Amino acid sequence: MPTTSVEIPEVLKERIEEKVESGEYTSNSDFIRYAVRRMLDREDTLSPRAIAKLNERMNYSEDELVGIDEA
């Protein structure tokens, strides 16, 4: 499976790790794949205006981003 590197705010990384540690997901990658699939499904049903609002909410500055490395 191809890999992609992403940068996310530290607070999101911590929340993902909590979900993995609780057993809800098997790995950070598992969570990210689920989230991406869910977002793509939502975009298929959302209006362009709703998509623009989501994009605004996901706009973080460079200093808020951290990498996720999967071992």
PDB file of N, CA and C in Angstrom:
ATOM      1  N   MET A   1       0.851  -1.172   0.000  1.00  0.00           N
ATOM      2  CA  MET A   1       0.000   0.000   0.000  1.00  0.00           C
ATOM      3  C   MET A   1       0.900   1.239   0.000  1.00  0.00           C
ATOM      4  N   PRO A   2       0.617   2.226  -0.859  1.00  0.00           N
ATOM      5  CA  PRO A   2       1.425   3.455  -0.869  1.00  0.00           C
ATOM      6  C   PRO A   2       1.289   4.208   0.454  1.00  0.00           C
ATOM      7  N   THR A   3       2.313   4.976   0.788  1.00  0.00           N
ATOM      8  CA  THR A   3       2.270   5.769   2.010  1.00  0.00           C
ATOM      9  C   THR A   3       2.287   7.247   1.671  1.00  0.00           C
ATOM     10  N   THR A   4       1.702   8.037   2.566  1.00  0.00           N
ATOM     11  CA  THR A   4       1.669   9.491   2.454  1.00  0.00           C
ATOM     12  C   THR A   4       1.991  10.064   3.818  1.00  0.00           C
ATOM     13  N   SER A   5       2.790  11.093   3.850  1.00  0.00           N
ATOM     14  CA  SER A   5       3.138  11.767   5.096  1.00  0.00           C
ATOM     15  C   SER A   5       2.262  12.999   5.246  1.00  0.00           C
ATOM     16  N   VAL A   6       1.734  13.216   6.451  1.00  0.00           N
ATOM     17  CA  VAL A   6       0.906  14.396   6.709  1.00  0.00           C
ATOM     18  C   VAL A   6       1.390  15.110   7.958  1.00  0.00           C
ATOM     19  N   GLU A   7       1.122  16.395   8.020  1.00  0.00           N
ATOM     20  CA  GLU A   7       1.421  17.190   9.208  1.00  0.00           C
ATOM     21  C   GLU A   7       0.105  17.634   9.815  1.00  0.00           C
ATOM     22  N   ILE A   8      -0.017  17.452  11.127  1.00  0.00           N
ATOM     23  CA  ILE A   8      -1.247  17.823  11.828  1.00  0.00           C
ATOM     24  C   ILE A   8      -0.879  18.535  13.122  1.00  0.00           C
ATOM     25  N   PRO A   9      -1.813  19.298  13.690  1.00  0.00           N
ATOM     26  CA  PRO A   9      -1.551  19.946  14.973  1.00  0.00           C
ATOM     27  C   PRO A   9      -1.324  18.894  16.067  1.00  0.00           C
ATOM     28  N   GLU A  10      -0.497  19.236  17.027  1.00  0.00           N
ATOM     29  CA  GLU A  10      -0.167  18.325  18.137  1.00  0.00           C
ATOM     30  C   GLU A  10      -1.427  17.811  18.830  1.00  0.00           C
ATOM     31  N   VAL A  11      -2.406  18.681  19.021  1.00  0.00           N
ATOM     32  CA  VAL A  11      -3.627  18.279  19.720  1.00  0.00           C
ATOM     33  C   VAL A  11      -4.356  17.164  18.962  1.00  0.00           C
ATOM     34  N   LEU A  12      -4.354  17.200  17.636  1.00  0.00           N
ATOM     35  CA  LEU A  12      -4.986  16.133  16.864  1.00  0.00           C
ATOM     36  C   LEU A  12      -4.185  14.840  16.960  1.00  0.00           C
ATOM     37  N   LYS A  13      -2.869  14.962  16.924  1.00  0.00           N
ATOM     38  CA  LYS A  13      -2.018  13.777  17.063  1.00  0.00           C
ATOM     39  C   LYS A  13      -2.295  13.088  18.395  1.00  0.00           C
ATOM     40  N   GLU A  14      -2.404  13.874  19.456  1.00  0.00           N
ATOM     41  CA  GLU A  14      -2.674  13.300  20.778  1.00  0.00           C
ATOM     42  C   GLU A  14      -4.031  12.608  20.812  1.00  0.00           C
ATOM     43  N   ARG A  15      -5.031  13.215  20.195  1.00  0.00           N
ATOM     44  CA  ARG A  15      -6.367  12.605  20.173  1.00  0.00           C
ATOM     45  C   ARG A  15      -6.374  11.305  19.390  1.00  0.00           C
ATOM     46  N   ILE A  16      -5.644  11.272  18.278  1.00  0.00           N
ATOM     47  CA  ILE A  16      -5.542  10.036  17.492  1.00  0.00           C
ATOM     48  C   ILE A  16      -4.875   8.952  18.331  1.00  0.00           C
ATOM     49  N   GLU A  17      -3.783   9.308  19.000  1.00  0.00           N
ATOM     50  CA  GLU A  17      -3.073   8.331  19.821  1.00  0.00           C
ATOM     51  C   GLU A  17      -3.957   7.801  20.951  1.00  0.00           C
ATOM     52  N   GLU A  18      -4.802   8.650  21.528  1.00  0.00           N
ATOM     53  CA  GLU A  18      -5.739   8.202  22.570  1.00  0.00           C
ATOM     54  C   GLU A  18      -6.708   7.163  22.009  1.00  0.00           C
ATOM     55  N   LYS A  19      -7.198   7.402  20.793  1.00  0.00           N
ATOM     56  CA  LYS A  19      -8.122   6.457  20.160  1.00  0.00           C
ATOM     57  C   LYS A  19      -7.435   5.109  19.911  1.00  0.00           C
ATOM     58  N   VAL A  20      -6.187   5.166  19.476  1.00  0.00           N
ATOM     59  CA  VAL A  20      -5.433   3.932  19.225  1.00  0.00           C
ATOM     60  C   VAL A  20      -5.175   3.200  20.541  1.00  0.00           C
ATOM     61  N   GLU A  21      -4.727   3.925  21.542  1.00  0.00           N
ATOM     62  CA  GLU A  21      -4.432   3.318  22.845  1.00  0.00           C
ATOM     63  C   GLU A  21      -5.674   2.716  23.495  1.00  0.00           C
ATOM     64  N   SER A  22      -6.850   3.296  23.238  1.00  0.00           N
ATOM     65  CA  SER A  22      -8.091   2.772  23.819  1.00  0.00           C
ATOM     66  C   SER A  22      -8.575   1.525  23.084  1.00  0.00           C
ATOM     67  N   GLY A  23      -7.968   1.230  21.937  1.00  0.00           N
ATOM     68  CA  GLY A  23      -8.355   0.049  21.171  1.00  0.00           C
ATOM     69  C   GLY A  23      -9.399   0.303  20.105  1.00  0.00           C
ATOM     70  N   GLU A  24      -9.815   1.559  19.952  1.00  0.00           N
ATOM     71  CA  GLU A  24     -10.818   1.869  18.928  1.00  0.00           C
ATOM     72  C   GLU A  24     -10.264   1.673  17.522  1.00  0.00           C
ATOM     73  N   TYR A  25      -8.967   1.885  17.362  1.00  0.00           N
ATOM     74  CA  TYR A  25      -8.285   1.713  16.079  1.00  0.00           C
ATOM     75  C   TYR A  25      -7.004   0.941  16.335  1.00  0.00           C
ATOM     76  N   THR A  26      -6.541   0.219  15.330  1.00  0.00           N
ATOM     77  CA  THR A  26      -5.346  -0.603  15.517  1.00  0.00           C
ATOM     78  C   THR A  26      -4.052   0.184  15.382  1.00  0.00           C
ATOM     79  N   SER A  27      -4.111   1.335  14.707  1.00  0.00           N
ATOM     80  CA  SER A  27      -2.907   2.146  14.502  1.00  0.00           C
ATOM     81  C   SER A  27      -3.306   3.562  14.092  1.00  0.00           C
ATOM     82  N   ASN A  28      -2.327   4.468  14.106  1.00  0.00           N
ATOM     83  CA  ASN A  28      -2.567   5.823  13.606  1.00  0.00           C
ATOM     84  C   ASN A  28      -3.031   5.765  12.152  1.00  0.00           C
ATOM     85  N   SER A  29      -2.385   4.904  11.378  1.00  0.00           N
ATOM     86  CA  SER A  29      -2.749   4.775   9.962  1.00  0.00           C
ATOM     87  C   SER A  29      -4.187   4.306   9.796  1.00  0.00           C
ATOM     88  N   ASP A  30      -4.613   3.353  10.621  1.00  0.00           N
ATOM     89  CA  ASP A  30      -5.982   2.853  10.570  1.00  0.00           C
ATOM     90  C   ASP A  30      -6.971   3.999  10.813  1.00  0.00           C
ATOM     91  N   PHE A  31      -6.675   4.826  11.811  1.00  0.00           N
ATOM     92  CA  PHE A  31      -7.542   5.970  12.103  1.00  0.00           C
ATOM     93  C   PHE A  31      -7.577   6.939  10.926  1.00  0.00           C
ATOM     94  N   ILE A  32      -6.413   7.278  10.386  1.00  0.00           N
ATOM     95  CA  ILE A  32      -6.338   8.231   9.273  1.00  0.00           C
ATOM     96  C   ILE A  32      -7.091   7.702   8.055  1.00  0.00           C
ATOM     97  N   ARG A  33      -6.908   6.406   7.726  1.00  0.00           N
ATOM     98  CA  ARG A  33      -7.645   5.839   6.589  1.00  0.00           C
ATOM     99  C   ARG A  33      -9.149   5.961   6.794  1.00  0.00           C
ATOM    100  N   TYR A  34      -9.618   5.639   8.008  1.00  0.00           N
ATOM    101  CA  TYR A  34     -11.039   5.754   8.310  1.00  0.00           C
ATOM    102  C   TYR A  34     -11.506   7.208   8.139  1.00  0.00           C
ATOM    103  N   ALA A  35     -10.741   8.145   8.694  1.00  0.00           N
ATOM    104  CA  ALA A  35     -11.122   9.558   8.631  1.00  0.00           C
ATOM    105  C   ALA A  35     -11.161  10.062   7.188  1.00  0.00           C
ATOM    106  N   VAL A  36     -10.205   9.655   6.380  1.00  0.00           N
ATOM    107  CA  VAL A  36     -10.174  10.088   4.984  1.00  0.00           C
ATOM    108  C   VAL A  36     -11.368   9.517   4.227  1.00  0.00           C
ATOM    109  N   ARG A  37     -11.643   8.229   4.417  1.00  0.00           N
ATOM    110  CA  ARG A  37     -12.809   7.628   3.751  1.00  0.00           C
ATOM    111  C   ARG A  37     -14.091   8.351   4.154  1.00  0.00           C
ATOM    112  N   ARG A  38     -14.229   8.618   5.446  1.00  0.00           N
ATOM    113  CA  ARG A  38     -15.434   9.293   5.943  1.00  0.00           C
ATOM    114  C   ARG A  38     -15.559  10.698   5.334  1.00  0.00           C
ATOM    115  N   MET A  39     -14.456  11.428   5.278  1.00  0.00           N
ATOM    116  CA  MET A  39     -14.477  12.778   4.719  1.00  0.00           C
ATOM    117  C   MET A  39     -14.841  12.745   3.234  1.00  0.00           C
ATOM    118  N   LEU A  40     -14.274  11.812   2.496  1.00  0.00           N
ATOM    119  CA  LEU A  40     -14.594  11.705   1.076  1.00  0.00           C
ATOM    120  C   LEU A  40     -16.068  11.367   0.872  1.00  0.00           C
ATOM    121  N   ASP A  41     -16.602  10.485   1.695  1.00  0.00           N
ATOM    122  CA  ASP A  41     -18.028  10.162   1.612  1.00  0.00           C
ATOM    123  C   ASP A  41     -18.888  11.386   1.915  1.00  0.00           C
ATOM    124  N   ARG A  42     -18.493  12.158   2.922  1.00  0.00           N
ATOM    125  CA  ARG A  42     -19.249  13.375   3.277  1.00  0.00           C
ATOM    126  C   ARG A  42     -19.203  14.390   2.143  1.00  0.00           C
ATOM    127  N   GLU A  43     -18.027  14.549   1.531  1.00  0.00           N
ATOM    128  CA  GLU A  43     -17.908  15.518   0.438  1.00  0.00           C
ATOM    129  C   GLU A  43     -18.813  15.165  -0.728  1.00  0.00           C
ATOM    130  N   ASP A  44     -19.028  13.879  -0.928  1.00  0.00           N
ATOM    131  CA  ASP A  44     -19.909  13.456  -2.012  1.00  0.00           C
ATOM    132  C   ASP A  44     -21.348  13.909  -1.775  1.00  0.00           C
ATOM    133  N   THR A  45     -21.694  14.190  -0.510  1.00  0.00           N
ATOM    134  CA  THR A  45     -23.076  14.561  -0.204  1.00  0.00           C
ATOM    135  C   THR A  45     -23.226  16.009   0.260  1.00  0.00           C
ATOM    136  N   LEU A  46     -22.110  16.746   0.414  1.00  0.00           N
ATOM    137  CA  LEU A  46     -22.170  18.126   0.897  1.00  0.00           C
ATOM    138  C   LEU A  46     -22.222  19.132  -0.242  1.00  0.00           C
ATOM    139  N   SER A  47     -22.790  20.281   0.047  1.00  0.00           N
ATOM    140  CA  SER A  47     -22.816  21.373  -0.921  1.00  0.00           C
ATOM    141  C   SER A  47     -21.442  22.033  -0.996  1.00  0.00           C
ATOM    142  N   PRO A  48     -21.142  22.730  -2.069  1.00  0.00           N
ATOM    143  CA  PRO A  48     -19.870  23.444  -2.170  1.00  0.00           C
ATOM    144  C   PRO A  48     -19.643  24.427  -1.013  1.00  0.00           C
ATOM    145  N   ARG A  49     -20.705  25.070  -0.552  1.00  0.00           N
ATOM    146  CA  ARG A  49     -20.575  26.017   0.574  1.00  0.00           C
ATOM    147  C   ARG A  49     -20.167  25.286   1.854  1.00  0.00           C
ATOM    148  N   ALA A  50     -20.777  24.129   2.112  1.00  0.00           N
ATOM    149  CA  ALA A  50     -20.433  23.344   3.299  1.00  0.00           C
ATOM    150  C   ALA A  50     -18.991  22.848   3.222  1.00  0.00           C
ATOM    151  N   ILE A  51     -18.556  22.464   2.045  1.00  0.00           N
ATOM    152  CA  ILE A  51     -17.173  22.021   1.860  1.00  0.00           C
ATOM    153  C   ILE A  51     -16.215  23.173   2.129  1.00  0.00           C
ATOM    154  N   ALA A  52     -16.540  24.374   1.653  1.00  0.00           N
ATOM    155  CA  ALA A  52     -15.691  25.541   1.894  1.00  0.00           C
ATOM    156  C   ALA A  52     -15.566  25.825   3.390  1.00  0.00           C
ATOM    157  N   LYS A  53     -16.662  25.694   4.133  1.00  0.00           N
ATOM    158  CA  LYS A  53     -16.621  25.914   5.580  1.00  0.00           C
ATOM    159  C   LYS A  53     -15.729  24.879   6.268  1.00  0.00           C
ATOM    160  N   LEU A  54     -15.824  23.628   5.847  1.00  0.00           N
ATOM    161  CA  LEU A  54     -14.959  22.585   6.417  1.00  0.00           C
ATOM    162  C   LEU A  54     -13.493  22.884   6.137  1.00  0.00           C
ATOM    163  N   ASN A  55     -13.204  23.306   4.921  1.00  0.00           N
ATOM    164  CA  ASN A  55     -11.824  23.638   4.566  1.00  0.00           C
ATOM    165  C   ASN A  55     -11.293  24.785   5.414  1.00  0.00           C
ATOM    166  N   GLU A  56     -12.126  25.779   5.695  1.00  0.00           N
ATOM    167  CA  GLU A  56     -11.717  26.895   6.552  1.00  0.00           C
ATOM    168  C   GLU A  56     -11.374  26.402   7.956  1.00  0.00           C
ATOM    169  N   ARG A  57     -12.184  25.505   8.489  1.00  0.00           N
ATOM    170  CA  ARG A  57     -11.964  24.982   9.838  1.00  0.00           C
ATOM    171  C   ARG A  57     -10.694  24.146   9.922  1.00  0.00           C
ATOM    172  N   MET A  58     -10.242  23.583   8.806  1.00  0.00           N
ATOM    173  CA  MET A  58      -9.060  22.720   8.810  1.00  0.00           C
ATOM    174  C   MET A  58      -7.793  23.490   8.444  1.00  0.00           C
ATOM    175  N   ASN A  59      -7.855  24.789   8.381  1.00  0.00           N
ATOM    176  CA  ASN A  59      -6.717  25.603   7.966  1.00  0.00           C
ATOM    177  C   ASN A  59      -5.864  25.953   9.180  1.00  0.00           C
ATOM    178  N   TYR A  60      -4.728  25.269   9.354  1.00  0.00           N
ATOM    179  CA  TYR A  60      -3.830  25.480  10.482  1.00  0.00           C
ATOM    180  C   TYR A  60      -2.555  26.162  10.007  1.00  0.00           C
ATOM    181  N   SER A  61      -1.924  26.899  10.906  1.00  0.00           N
ATOM    182  CA  SER A  61      -0.648  27.522  10.566  1.00  0.00           C
ATOM    183  C   SER A  61       0.462  26.482  10.656  1.00  0.00           C
ATOM    184  N   GLU A  62       1.586  26.782  10.004  1.00  0.00           N
ATOM    185  CA  GLU A  62       2.726  25.852   9.991  1.00  0.00           C
ATOM    186  C   GLU A  62       3.209  25.492  11.388  1.00  0.00           C
ATOM    187  N   ASP A  63       3.221  26.438  12.326  1.00  0.00           N
ATOM    188  CA  ASP A  63       3.751  26.165  13.662  1.00  0.00           C
ATOM    189  C   ASP A  63       2.818  25.294  14.501  1.00  0.00           C
ATOM    190  N   GLU A  64       1.593  25.040  14.036  1.00  0.00           N
ATOM    191  CA  GLU A  64       0.666  24.165  14.740  1.00  0.00           C
ATOM    192  C   GLU A  64       0.760  22.719  14.264  1.00  0.00           C
ATOM    193  N   LEU A  65       1.537  22.462  13.225  1.00  0.00           N
ATOM    194  CA  LEU A  65       1.572  21.154  12.613  1.00  0.00           C
ATOM    195  C   LEU A  65       2.717  20.295  13.144  1.00  0.00           C
ATOM    196  N   VAL A  66       2.445  19.003  13.303  1.00  0.00           N
ATOM    197  CA  VAL A  66       3.461  18.013  13.675  1.00  0.00           C
ATOM    198  C   VAL A  66       3.298  16.822  12.748  1.00  0.00           C
ATOM    199  N   GLY A  67       4.350  16.047  12.576  1.00  0.00           N
ATOM    200  CA  GLY A  67       4.284  14.872  11.726  1.00  0.00           C
ATOM    201  C   GLY A  67       3.760  13.653  12.463  1.00  0.00           C
ATOM    202  N   ILE A  68       3.181  12.738  11.722  1.00  0.00           N
ATOM    203  CA  ILE A  68       2.783  11.434  12.279  1.00  0.00           C
ATOM    204  C   ILE A  68       3.639  10.398  11.565  1.00  0.00           C
ATOM    205  N   ASP A  69       4.399   9.663  12.326  1.00  0.00           N
ATOM    206  CA  ASP A  69       5.217   8.599  11.762  1.00  0.00           C
ATOM    207  C   ASP A  69       4.676   7.268  12.233  1.00  0.00           C
ATOM    208  N   GLU A  70       4.481   6.374  11.297  1.00  0.00           N
ATOM    209  CA  GLU A  70       3.991   5.045  11.617  1.00  0.00           C
ATOM    210  C   GLU A  70       5.166   4.082  11.527  1.00  0.00           C
ATOM    211  N   ALA A  71       5.447   3.391  12.609  1.00  0.00           N
ATOM    212  CA  ALA A  71       6.590   2.470  12.631  1.00  0.00           C
ATOM    213  C   ALA A  71       6.287   1.216  11.869  1.00  0.00           C
TER     214      ALA A  71
END
